[in-house]
């Protein structure tokens, strides 16, 4: 966005981030996003900071992070206004539950990825998987040529 001093209505903000009002308000109530600026009610407005906060939450959600983990990250960074662009990897603790993605590459070959710790976006993970599948195909072709 070119104009960092632009202000938005709630409708405009929702349109920009692809979320509904209910979700944006939920994030505010749960202290994931700052409250609106202004005098309240129809005098409320949102800034580029709100837009960045919501886009960051959306990116982290798309990467597979839970709202609980996103809230931890935001709190560790000092609140919604100081959220980091990438979530730091959370140290593993004994007994911790992790969610892993399993990508079937070929018979007997599987790629396992822990999305939060990999620090890769879903698109980056897809590209990574395709690159590995391409490399596997090339290896198999070169073996067939011999």
C-alpha atoms as a PDB file:
ATOM      1  CA  UNK A   1       0.000   0.000   0.000  1.00  0.00           C
ATOM      2  CA  UNK A   2       1.419   3.352  -1.008  1.00  0.00           C
ATOM      3  CA  UNK A   3      -0.370   5.622   1.464  1.00  0.00           C
ATOM      4  CA  UNK A   4       0.458   4.502   4.996  1.00  0.00           C
ATOM      5  CA  UNK A   5      -1.628   7.395   6.356  1.00  0.00           C
ATOM      6  CA  UNK A   6      -4.851   6.210   4.723  1.00  0.00           C
ATOM      7  CA  UNK A   7      -7.814   5.443   6.922  1.00  0.00           C
ATOM      8  CA  UNK A   8     -10.512   2.854   6.338  1.00  0.00           C
ATOM      9  CA  UNK A   9     -14.023   2.107   7.452  1.00  0.00           C
ATOM     10  CA  UNK A  10     -14.665  -1.342   8.863  1.00  0.00           C
ATOM     11  CA  UNK A  11     -16.294  -2.341   5.561  1.00  0.00           C
ATOM     12  CA  UNK A  12     -13.260  -1.179   3.579  1.00  0.00           C
ATOM     13  CA  UNK A  13     -10.861  -2.943   5.944  1.00  0.00           C
ATOM     14  CA  UNK A  14     -12.846  -6.186   5.700  1.00  0.00           C
ATOM     15  CA  UNK A  15     -12.843  -5.953   1.919  1.00  0.00           C
ATOM     16  CA  UNK A  16      -9.078  -5.385   1.804  1.00  0.00           C
ATOM     17  CA  UNK A  17      -8.246  -8.408   3.976  1.00  0.00           C
ATOM     18  CA  UNK A  18     -11.008 -10.724   2.762  1.00  0.00           C
ATOM     19  CA  UNK A  19     -12.605 -11.170   6.198  1.00  0.00           C
ATOM     20  CA  UNK A  20     -16.049 -10.486   7.532  1.00  0.00           C
ATOM     21  CA  UNK A  21     -16.811  -7.926  10.254  1.00  0.00           C
ATOM     22  CA  UNK A  22     -17.536 -10.606  12.811  1.00  0.00           C
ATOM     23  CA  UNK A  23     -14.067 -12.135  12.438  1.00  0.00           C
ATOM     24  CA  UNK A  24     -12.326  -8.747  12.627  1.00  0.00           C
ATOM     25  CA  UNK A  25     -14.278  -7.846  15.765  1.00  0.00           C
ATOM     26  CA  UNK A  26     -13.463 -11.273  17.248  1.00  0.00           C
ATOM     27  CA  UNK A  27      -9.744 -10.623  16.694  1.00  0.00           C
ATOM     28  CA  UNK A  28     -10.089  -7.237  18.422  1.00  0.00           C
ATOM     29  CA  UNK A  29     -11.988  -8.698  21.368  1.00  0.00           C
ATOM     30  CA  UNK A  30      -9.255 -11.308  21.769  1.00  0.00           C
ATOM     31  CA  UNK A  31      -6.530  -8.646  21.602  1.00  0.00           C
ATOM     32  CA  UNK A  32      -5.023  -9.913  18.358  1.00  0.00           C
ATOM     33  CA  UNK A  33      -5.734  -6.599  16.608  1.00  0.00           C
ATOM     34  CA  UNK A  34      -5.776  -3.064  18.012  1.00  0.00           C
ATOM     35  CA  UNK A  35      -9.114  -1.337  18.606  1.00  0.00           C
ATOM     36  CA  UNK A  36     -10.206   1.256  16.024  1.00  0.00           C
ATOM     37  CA  UNK A  37      -9.049   4.844  16.217  1.00  0.00           C
ATOM     38  CA  UNK A  38     -11.395   7.798  16.570  1.00  0.00           C
ATOM     39  CA  UNK A  39     -14.283   8.712  18.812  1.00  0.00           C
ATOM     40  CA  UNK A  40     -16.150   5.409  18.586  1.00  0.00           C
ATOM     41  CA  UNK A  41     -19.226   4.347  16.678  1.00  0.00           C
ATOM     42  CA  UNK A  42     -19.465   6.118  13.334  1.00  0.00           C
ATOM     43  CA  UNK A  43     -16.373   8.153  14.272  1.00  0.00           C
ATOM     44  CA  UNK A  44     -14.203   5.028  14.363  1.00  0.00           C
ATOM     45  CA  UNK A  45     -11.648   4.388  11.667  1.00  0.00           C
ATOM     46  CA  UNK A  46      -8.878   1.936  10.897  1.00  0.00           C
ATOM     47  CA  UNK A  47      -5.326   2.578   9.742  1.00  0.00           C
ATOM     48  CA  UNK A  48      -2.580   0.838   7.814  1.00  0.00           C
ATOM     49  CA  UNK A  49      -1.475  -0.696  11.152  1.00  0.00           C
ATOM     50  CA  UNK A  50      -4.819  -2.518  11.474  1.00  0.00           C
ATOM     51  CA  UNK A  51      -4.517  -3.704   7.880  1.00  0.00           C
ATOM     52  CA  UNK A  52      -1.019  -5.090   8.524  1.00  0.00           C
ATOM     53  CA  UNK A  53      -2.148  -6.807  11.739  1.00  0.00           C
ATOM     54  CA  UNK A  54      -5.032  -8.564   9.997  1.00  0.00           C
ATOM     55  CA  UNK A  55      -2.912  -9.589   7.014  1.00  0.00           C
ATOM     56  CA  UNK A  56      -0.277 -10.998   9.371  1.00  0.00           C
ATOM     57  CA  UNK A  57      -2.911 -13.014  11.261  1.00  0.00           C
ATOM     58  CA  UNK A  58      -4.325 -14.254   7.970  1.00  0.00           C
ATOM     59  CA  UNK A  59      -0.847 -15.303   6.782  1.00  0.00           C
ATOM     60  CA  UNK A  60      -0.151 -17.158  10.026  1.00  0.00           C
ATOM     61  CA  UNK A  61      -3.572 -18.858   9.935  1.00  0.00           C
ATOM     62  CA  UNK A  62      -2.951 -19.917   6.322  1.00  0.00           C
ATOM     63  CA  UNK A  63       0.412 -21.346   7.442  1.00  0.00           C
ATOM     64  CA  UNK A  64      -1.420 -23.544   9.944  1.00  0.00           C
ATOM     65  CA  UNK A  65      -0.889 -21.687  13.213  1.00  0.00           C
ATOM     66  CA  UNK A  66      -3.665 -21.794  15.787  1.00  0.00           C
ATOM     67  CA  UNK A  67      -5.162 -18.578  17.149  1.00  0.00           C
ATOM     68  CA  UNK A  68      -3.736 -19.574  20.529  1.00  0.00           C
ATOM     69  CA  UNK A  69      -0.212 -19.690  19.066  1.00  0.00           C
ATOM     70  CA  UNK A  70      -0.749 -16.435  17.153  1.00  0.00           C
ATOM     71  CA  UNK A  71      -1.838 -14.750  20.376  1.00  0.00           C
ATOM     72  CA  UNK A  72       1.282 -16.072  22.148  1.00  0.00           C
ATOM     73  CA  UNK A  73       3.483 -14.625  19.412  1.00  0.00           C
ATOM     74  CA  UNK A  74       1.727 -11.257  19.544  1.00  0.00           C
ATOM     75  CA  UNK A  75       1.990 -11.137  23.346  1.00  0.00           C
ATOM     76  CA  UNK A  76       5.679 -12.120  23.202  1.00  0.00           C
ATOM     77  CA  UNK A  77       6.229  -9.210  20.791  1.00  0.00           C
ATOM     78  CA  UNK A  78       4.548  -6.702  23.113  1.00  0.00           C
ATOM     79  CA  UNK A  79       1.005  -6.603  21.751  1.00  0.00           C
ATOM     80  CA  UNK A  80      -0.863  -6.335  18.440  1.00  0.00           C
ATOM     81  CA  UNK A  81       0.927  -3.192  17.265  1.00  0.00           C
ATOM     82  CA  UNK A  82       4.334  -4.838  17.377  1.00  0.00           C
ATOM     83  CA  UNK A  83       3.685  -8.210  15.721  1.00  0.00           C
ATOM     84  CA  UNK A  84       6.659  -9.757  13.909  1.00  0.00           C
ATOM     85  CA  UNK A  85       6.416 -10.456  10.161  1.00  0.00           C
ATOM     86  CA  UNK A  86       7.269 -14.146  10.715  1.00  0.00           C
ATOM     87  CA  UNK A  87       6.429 -16.175  13.795  1.00  0.00           C
ATOM     88  CA  UNK A  88       9.422 -17.367  15.785  1.00  0.00           C
ATOM     89  CA  UNK A  89       9.643 -21.124  16.157  1.00  0.00           C
ATOM     90  CA  UNK A  90       8.301 -22.262  19.490  1.00  0.00           C
ATOM     91  CA  UNK A  91      10.677 -24.548  21.394  1.00  0.00           C
ATOM     92  CA  UNK A  92       9.405 -28.106  21.636  1.00  0.00           C
ATOM     93  CA  UNK A  93       8.520 -29.333  25.102  1.00  0.00           C
ATOM     94  CA  UNK A  94       8.119 -32.954  26.192  1.00  0.00           C
ATOM     95  CA  UNK A  95       4.491 -33.962  25.782  1.00  0.00           C
ATOM     96  CA  UNK A  96       3.760 -31.143  23.313  1.00  0.00           C
ATOM     97  CA  UNK A  97       1.347 -31.949  20.500  1.00  0.00           C
ATOM     98  CA  UNK A  98       2.457 -30.988  17.014  1.00  0.00           C
ATOM     99  CA  UNK A  99       0.606 -31.054  13.711  1.00  0.00           C
ATOM    100  CA  UNK A 100       2.666 -32.261  10.767  1.00  0.00           C
ATOM    101  CA  UNK A 101       1.887 -32.219   7.073  1.00  0.00           C
ATOM    102  CA  UNK A 102       2.611 -35.450   5.225  1.00  0.00           C
ATOM    103  CA  UNK A 103       3.105 -35.131   1.488  1.00  0.00           C
ATOM    104  CA  UNK A 104       3.077 -38.341  -0.531  1.00  0.00           C
ATOM    105  CA  UNK A 105       5.760 -38.028  -3.207  1.00  0.00           C
ATOM    106  CA  UNK A 106       5.888 -41.589  -4.547  1.00  0.00           C
ATOM    107  CA  UNK A 107       5.381 -45.140  -3.356  1.00  0.00           C
ATOM    108  CA  UNK A 108       7.469 -45.427  -0.187  1.00  0.00           C
ATOM    109  CA  UNK A 109       8.502 -41.766  -0.184  1.00  0.00           C
ATOM    110  CA  UNK A 110       6.832 -39.215   2.048  1.00  0.00           C
ATOM    111  CA  UNK A 111       7.813 -35.682   3.005  1.00  0.00           C
ATOM    112  CA  UNK A 112       7.006 -34.626   6.565  1.00  0.00           C
ATOM    113  CA  UNK A 113       6.816 -30.926   7.428  1.00  0.00           C
ATOM    114  CA  UNK A 114       5.919 -29.131  10.648  1.00  0.00           C
ATOM    115  CA  UNK A 115       4.445 -25.901   9.195  1.00  0.00           C
ATOM    116  CA  UNK A 116       5.054 -23.659  12.216  1.00  0.00           C
ATOM    117  CA  UNK A 117       8.726 -24.501  12.599  1.00  0.00           C
ATOM    118  CA  UNK A 118       9.456 -24.678   8.859  1.00  0.00           C
ATOM    119  CA  UNK A 119       8.629 -20.949   8.602  1.00  0.00           C
ATOM    120  CA  UNK A 120       7.449 -21.535   5.042  1.00  0.00           C
ATOM    121  CA  UNK A 121       4.189 -20.217   3.655  1.00  0.00           C
ATOM    122  CA  UNK A 122       1.712 -22.697   2.120  1.00  0.00           C
ATOM    123  CA  UNK A 123       2.786 -21.511  -1.347  1.00  0.00           C
ATOM    124  CA  UNK A 124       6.468 -22.020  -0.499  1.00  0.00           C
ATOM    125  CA  UNK A 125       5.677 -25.528   0.770  1.00  0.00           C
ATOM    126  CA  UNK A 126       3.864 -26.343  -2.481  1.00  0.00           C
ATOM    127  CA  UNK A 127       6.832 -25.114  -4.536  1.00  0.00           C
ATOM    128  CA  UNK A 128       9.224 -27.094  -2.327  1.00  0.00           C
ATOM    129  CA  UNK A 129       7.165 -30.273  -2.790  1.00  0.00           C
ATOM    130  CA  UNK A 130       7.005 -29.799  -6.569  1.00  0.00           C
ATOM    131  CA  UNK A 131      10.767 -29.255  -6.709  1.00  0.00           C
ATOM    132  CA  UNK A 132      11.369 -32.485  -4.798  1.00  0.00           C
ATOM    133  CA  UNK A 133       8.948 -34.404  -7.042  1.00  0.00           C
ATOM    134  CA  UNK A 134      10.716 -33.030 -10.122  1.00  0.00           C
ATOM    135  CA  UNK A 135      14.115 -34.054  -8.713  1.00  0.00           C
ATOM    136  CA  UNK A 136      12.774 -37.545  -7.934  1.00  0.00           C
ATOM    137  CA  UNK A 137      11.476 -37.894 -11.508  1.00  0.00           C
ATOM    138  CA  UNK A 138      14.855 -36.834 -12.890  1.00  0.00           C
ATOM    139  CA  UNK A 139      16.684 -39.353 -10.685  1.00  0.00           C
ATOM    140  CA  UNK A 140      14.373 -42.148 -11.798  1.00  0.00           C
ATOM    141  CA  UNK A 141      14.741 -41.160 -15.466  1.00  0.00           C
ATOM    142  CA  UNK A 142      18.538 -41.121 -15.223  1.00  0.00           C
ATOM    143  CA  UNK A 143      18.449 -44.609 -13.648  1.00  0.00           C
ATOM    144  CA  UNK A 144      16.228 -45.838 -16.490  1.00  0.00           C
ATOM    145  CA  UNK A 145      18.714 -44.437 -19.049  1.00  0.00           C
ATOM    146  CA  UNK A 146      21.557 -46.585 -17.651  1.00  0.00           C
END
